[in-house]
């Protein structure tokens, strides 16, 4: 039963990471939208940095999901990485929302 509980927890974490990965794709599309065209050099630089950070976050999240999907991986060993991914996503999401507000 304990193994089933750990597998269920692992499945939940993997699904949540996959949702965050999909959300990163949505943020990338949002940044590429005509509504987010930078009007100043500062905003142009900021957009470039945000796009780079999104690519890095997407890659890291995909790698973490692939690692966690290995059958003999124990989720507890990776919880710090998972929490870091969630934290990075939240910070980046807020920065993108701030950028969008300032670009209008």
N, C-alpha and C. Protein backbone atom coordinates (compact mmCIF):
# COMPACT_ATOMS: atom_id res chain seq x y z
N UNK A 1 0.83 -1.19 0.00
CA UNK A 1 0.00 0.00 0.00
C UNK A 1 0.87 1.25 0.00
N UNK A 2 1.95 1.23 0.75
CA UNK A 2 2.84 2.37 0.82
C UNK A 2 3.44 2.69 -0.55
N UNK A 3 3.78 1.67 -1.32
CA UNK A 3 4.32 1.86 -2.67
C UNK A 3 3.27 2.47 -3.58
N UNK A 4 2.02 2.05 -3.42
CA UNK A 4 0.94 2.61 -4.23
C UNK A 4 0.74 4.08 -3.92
N UNK A 5 0.83 4.43 -2.65
CA UNK A 5 0.68 5.82 -2.24
C UNK A 5 1.79 6.67 -2.83
N UNK A 6 3.01 6.16 -2.80
CA UNK A 6 4.14 6.90 -3.37
C UNK A 6 4.00 7.04 -4.87
N UNK A 7 3.50 6.00 -5.55
CA UNK A 7 3.28 6.08 -6.99
C UNK A 7 2.18 7.08 -7.31
N UNK A 8 1.15 7.14 -6.50
CA UNK A 8 0.07 8.10 -6.71
C UNK A 8 0.59 9.52 -6.52
N UNK A 9 1.40 9.73 -5.50
CA UNK A 9 2.00 11.04 -5.26
C UNK A 9 2.91 11.44 -6.43
N UNK A 10 3.66 10.49 -6.90
CA UNK A 10 4.55 10.72 -8.03
C UNK A 10 3.75 11.11 -9.28
N UNK A 11 2.65 10.42 -9.50
CA UNK A 11 1.79 10.72 -10.64
C UNK A 11 1.22 12.13 -10.55
N UNK A 12 0.80 12.52 -9.37
CA UNK A 12 0.25 13.87 -9.17
C UNK A 12 1.32 14.93 -9.46
N UNK A 13 2.52 14.71 -8.96
CA UNK A 13 3.61 15.67 -9.18
C UNK A 13 3.95 15.75 -10.66
N UNK A 14 4.00 14.62 -11.33
CA UNK A 14 4.31 14.61 -12.77
C UNK A 14 3.24 15.35 -13.54
N UNK A 15 1.98 15.11 -13.22
CA UNK A 15 0.89 15.82 -13.92
C UNK A 15 0.96 17.33 -13.70
N UNK A 16 1.27 17.72 -12.48
CA UNK A 16 1.37 19.16 -12.19
C UNK A 16 2.55 19.78 -12.96
N UNK A 17 3.65 19.07 -13.02
CA UNK A 17 4.79 19.56 -13.81
C UNK A 17 4.42 19.66 -15.29
N UNK A 18 3.66 18.70 -15.78
CA UNK A 18 3.23 18.75 -17.18
C UNK A 18 2.29 19.93 -17.42
N UNK A 19 1.46 20.24 -16.45
CA UNK A 19 0.58 21.42 -16.57
C UNK A 19 1.41 22.70 -16.62
N UNK A 20 2.42 22.76 -15.75
CA UNK A 20 3.30 23.94 -15.75
C UNK A 20 4.02 24.05 -17.08
N UNK A 21 4.42 22.92 -17.64
CA UNK A 21 5.10 22.93 -18.93
C UNK A 21 4.18 23.47 -20.02
N UNK A 22 2.91 23.08 -19.99
CA UNK A 22 1.93 23.61 -20.94
C UNK A 22 1.71 25.10 -20.72
N UNK A 23 1.70 25.52 -19.48
CA UNK A 23 1.54 26.94 -19.16
C UNK A 23 2.73 27.74 -19.69
N UNK A 24 3.92 27.15 -19.67
CA UNK A 24 5.10 27.83 -20.22
C UNK A 24 4.90 28.05 -21.72
N UNK A 25 4.36 27.05 -22.41
CA UNK A 25 4.07 27.21 -23.84
C UNK A 25 3.09 28.36 -24.07
N UNK A 26 2.08 28.44 -23.22
CA UNK A 26 1.11 29.53 -23.34
C UNK A 26 1.76 30.89 -23.11
N UNK A 27 2.66 30.96 -22.13
CA UNK A 27 3.36 32.22 -21.88
C UNK A 27 4.25 32.59 -23.06
N UNK A 28 4.86 31.60 -23.68
CA UNK A 28 5.69 31.88 -24.85
C UNK A 28 4.84 32.42 -26.00
N UNK A 29 3.68 31.85 -26.21
CA UNK A 29 2.78 32.36 -27.25
C UNK A 29 2.32 33.78 -26.92
N UNK A 30 2.06 34.02 -25.65
CA UNK A 30 1.63 35.35 -25.23
C UNK A 30 2.71 36.39 -25.51
N UNK A 31 3.96 36.05 -25.20
CA UNK A 31 5.07 36.98 -25.44
C UNK A 31 5.29 37.22 -26.93
N UNK A 32 4.97 36.24 -27.76
CA UNK A 32 5.14 36.39 -29.20
C UNK A 32 3.95 37.09 -29.86
N UNK A 33 2.96 37.40 -29.08
CA UNK A 33 1.76 38.06 -29.58
C UNK A 33 2.06 39.51 -29.97
N UNK A 34 1.29 40.00 -30.91
CA UNK A 34 1.45 41.39 -31.34
C UNK A 34 1.16 42.38 -30.21
N UNK A 35 0.42 41.95 -29.20
CA UNK A 35 0.10 42.82 -28.08
C UNK A 35 1.31 43.09 -27.18
N UNK A 36 2.33 42.28 -27.31
CA UNK A 36 3.50 42.40 -26.44
C UNK A 36 4.72 42.98 -27.15
N UNK A 37 4.52 43.61 -28.27
CA UNK A 37 5.64 44.18 -29.00
C UNK A 37 6.28 45.27 -28.14
N UNK A 38 7.59 45.17 -27.91
CA UNK A 38 8.26 46.16 -27.07
C UNK A 38 8.29 47.53 -27.74
N UNK A 39 8.05 48.56 -26.95
CA UNK A 39 8.02 49.93 -27.47
C UNK A 39 9.31 50.69 -27.19
N UNK A 40 10.11 50.17 -26.26
CA UNK A 40 11.37 50.83 -25.92
C UNK A 40 12.49 49.79 -25.94
N UNK A 41 13.72 50.29 -25.93
CA UNK A 41 14.87 49.39 -25.91
C UNK A 41 14.88 48.57 -24.63
N UNK A 42 14.54 49.20 -23.52
CA UNK A 42 14.50 48.49 -22.24
C UNK A 42 13.50 47.33 -22.31
N UNK A 43 12.33 47.57 -22.86
CA UNK A 43 11.33 46.51 -22.98
C UNK A 43 11.78 45.42 -23.96
N UNK A 44 12.49 45.83 -25.01
CA UNK A 44 13.03 44.85 -25.96
C UNK A 44 14.01 43.91 -25.25
N UNK A 45 14.90 44.49 -24.44
CA UNK A 45 15.86 43.68 -23.68
C UNK A 45 15.14 42.77 -22.69
N UNK A 46 14.16 43.32 -22.01
CA UNK A 46 13.41 42.56 -21.02
C UNK A 46 12.70 41.37 -21.68
N UNK A 47 12.11 41.61 -22.84
CA UNK A 47 11.43 40.54 -23.56
C UNK A 47 12.41 39.44 -23.95
N UNK A 48 13.58 39.81 -24.40
CA UNK A 48 14.58 38.82 -24.79
C UNK A 48 14.99 37.96 -23.59
N UNK A 49 15.19 38.59 -22.45
CA UNK A 49 15.55 37.86 -21.23
C UNK A 49 14.42 36.92 -20.82
N UNK A 50 13.20 37.40 -20.86
CA UNK A 50 12.05 36.57 -20.48
C UNK A 50 11.93 35.36 -21.40
N UNK A 51 12.13 35.57 -22.69
CA UNK A 51 12.05 34.45 -23.63
C UNK A 51 13.14 33.41 -23.36
N UNK A 52 14.34 33.88 -23.06
CA UNK A 52 15.43 32.95 -22.73
C UNK A 52 15.11 32.16 -21.46
N UNK A 53 14.57 32.85 -20.47
CA UNK A 53 14.23 32.19 -19.22
C UNK A 53 13.10 31.17 -19.42
N UNK A 54 12.15 31.49 -20.29
CA UNK A 54 11.07 30.55 -20.59
C UNK A 54 11.60 29.28 -21.25
N UNK A 55 12.52 29.45 -22.18
CA UNK A 55 13.11 28.29 -22.86
C UNK A 55 13.85 27.42 -21.84
N UNK A 56 14.62 28.05 -20.98
CA UNK A 56 15.36 27.30 -19.96
C UNK A 56 14.40 26.58 -19.01
N UNK A 57 13.35 27.26 -18.59
CA UNK A 57 12.36 26.65 -17.70
C UNK A 57 11.67 25.48 -18.39
N UNK A 58 11.31 25.65 -19.65
CA UNK A 58 10.65 24.58 -20.40
C UNK A 58 11.56 23.35 -20.49
N UNK A 59 12.82 23.58 -20.81
CA UNK A 59 13.76 22.46 -20.92
C UNK A 59 13.96 21.77 -19.58
N UNK A 60 14.14 22.54 -18.52
CA UNK A 60 14.34 21.96 -17.19
C UNK A 60 13.12 21.17 -16.74
N UNK A 61 11.94 21.70 -17.00
CA UNK A 61 10.71 21.01 -16.60
C UNK A 61 10.56 19.71 -17.38
N UNK A 62 10.83 19.75 -18.68
CA UNK A 62 10.73 18.54 -19.50
C UNK A 62 11.72 17.47 -19.02
N UNK A 63 12.93 17.89 -18.71
CA UNK A 63 13.94 16.95 -18.21
C UNK A 63 13.52 16.35 -16.87
N UNK A 64 12.96 17.18 -16.00
CA UNK A 64 12.53 16.70 -14.69
C UNK A 64 11.38 15.70 -14.83
N UNK A 65 10.44 15.98 -15.71
CA UNK A 65 9.33 15.06 -15.95
C UNK A 65 9.86 13.73 -16.48
N UNK A 66 10.78 13.79 -17.42
CA UNK A 66 11.35 12.56 -17.98
C UNK A 66 12.06 11.75 -16.90
N UNK A 67 12.79 12.43 -16.04
CA UNK A 67 13.49 11.75 -14.95
C UNK A 67 12.50 11.11 -13.99
N UNK A 68 11.46 11.83 -13.63
CA UNK A 68 10.49 11.31 -12.66
C UNK A 68 9.67 10.16 -13.23
N UNK A 69 9.56 10.07 -14.53
CA UNK A 69 8.77 9.00 -15.13
C UNK A 69 9.49 7.65 -15.13
N UNK A 70 10.76 7.65 -14.76
CA UNK A 70 11.48 6.39 -14.64
C UNK A 70 10.91 5.65 -13.43
N UNK A 71 10.64 4.38 -13.61
CA UNK A 71 9.90 3.59 -12.60
C UNK A 71 10.57 3.52 -11.24
N UNK A 72 11.87 3.40 -11.18
CA UNK A 72 12.50 3.19 -9.88
C UNK A 72 12.95 4.49 -9.19
N UNK A 73 12.55 5.61 -9.71
CA UNK A 73 12.87 6.91 -9.10
C UNK A 73 11.94 7.16 -7.92
N UNK A 74 12.52 7.57 -6.81
CA UNK A 74 11.74 7.91 -5.62
C UNK A 74 11.50 9.42 -5.64
N UNK A 75 10.24 9.81 -5.59
CA UNK A 75 9.86 11.22 -5.73
C UNK A 75 10.45 12.09 -4.63
N UNK A 76 10.60 11.56 -3.44
CA UNK A 76 11.11 12.33 -2.31
C UNK A 76 12.50 12.89 -2.62
N UNK A 77 13.29 12.12 -3.36
CA UNK A 77 14.65 12.54 -3.70
C UNK A 77 14.65 13.76 -4.62
N UNK A 78 13.54 14.02 -5.29
CA UNK A 78 13.47 15.11 -6.27
C UNK A 78 12.54 16.24 -5.85
N UNK A 79 11.98 16.17 -4.67
CA UNK A 79 11.01 17.19 -4.26
C UNK A 79 11.61 18.59 -4.22
N UNK A 80 12.86 18.71 -3.85
CA UNK A 80 13.50 20.03 -3.84
C UNK A 80 13.55 20.60 -5.26
N UNK A 81 13.87 19.75 -6.23
CA UNK A 81 13.90 20.18 -7.63
C UNK A 81 12.50 20.56 -8.12
N UNK A 82 11.52 19.78 -7.72
CA UNK A 82 10.14 20.05 -8.12
C UNK A 82 9.69 21.39 -7.54
N UNK A 83 9.94 21.61 -6.28
CA UNK A 83 9.56 22.88 -5.64
C UNK A 83 10.28 24.06 -6.29
N UNK A 84 11.54 23.86 -6.66
CA UNK A 84 12.30 24.91 -7.34
C UNK A 84 11.68 25.22 -8.69
N UNK A 85 11.25 24.21 -9.43
CA UNK A 85 10.59 24.43 -10.72
C UNK A 85 9.30 25.23 -10.54
N UNK A 86 8.50 24.85 -9.55
CA UNK A 86 7.25 25.58 -9.30
C UNK A 86 7.54 27.03 -8.92
N UNK A 87 8.54 27.23 -8.10
CA UNK A 87 8.91 28.58 -7.68
C UNK A 87 9.39 29.40 -8.88
N UNK A 88 10.26 28.82 -9.69
CA UNK A 88 10.77 29.53 -10.88
C UNK A 88 9.63 29.88 -11.82
N UNK A 89 8.68 28.95 -11.98
CA UNK A 89 7.54 29.22 -12.84
C UNK A 89 6.74 30.41 -12.32
N UNK A 90 6.45 30.40 -11.02
CA UNK A 90 5.64 31.48 -10.44
C UNK A 90 6.32 32.84 -10.57
N UNK A 91 7.62 32.89 -10.32
CA UNK A 91 8.36 34.15 -10.45
C UNK A 91 8.35 34.62 -11.89
N UNK A 92 8.62 33.72 -12.81
CA UNK A 92 8.65 34.08 -14.22
C UNK A 92 7.27 34.50 -14.72
N UNK A 93 6.25 33.81 -14.27
CA UNK A 93 4.88 34.18 -14.65
C UNK A 93 4.57 35.61 -14.21
N UNK A 94 4.93 35.95 -12.98
CA UNK A 94 4.70 37.31 -12.47
C UNK A 94 5.50 38.35 -13.26
N UNK A 95 6.74 38.02 -13.60
CA UNK A 95 7.57 38.95 -14.39
C UNK A 95 6.96 39.17 -15.77
N UNK A 96 6.43 38.14 -16.37
CA UNK A 96 5.82 38.28 -17.70
C UNK A 96 4.55 39.11 -17.61
N UNK A 97 3.76 38.89 -16.59
CA UNK A 97 2.55 39.70 -16.41
C UNK A 97 2.91 41.18 -16.22
N UNK A 98 3.96 41.44 -15.45
CA UNK A 98 4.42 42.82 -15.27
C UNK A 98 4.91 43.41 -16.58
N UNK A 99 5.64 42.61 -17.37
CA UNK A 99 6.12 43.08 -18.67
C UNK A 99 4.94 43.43 -19.57
N UNK A 100 3.93 42.58 -19.60
CA UNK A 100 2.78 42.81 -20.46
C UNK A 100 2.07 44.11 -20.07
N UNK A 101 1.92 44.33 -18.78
CA UNK A 101 1.29 45.57 -18.31
C UNK A 101 2.10 46.80 -18.74
N UNK A 102 3.43 46.70 -18.63
CA UNK A 102 4.27 47.85 -18.97
C UNK A 102 4.40 48.06 -20.47
N UNK A 103 4.14 47.03 -21.26
CA UNK A 103 4.28 47.17 -22.72
C UNK A 103 3.05 47.76 -23.37
N UNK A 104 1.97 47.88 -22.63
CA UNK A 104 0.74 48.42 -23.23
C UNK A 104 0.67 49.90 -23.15
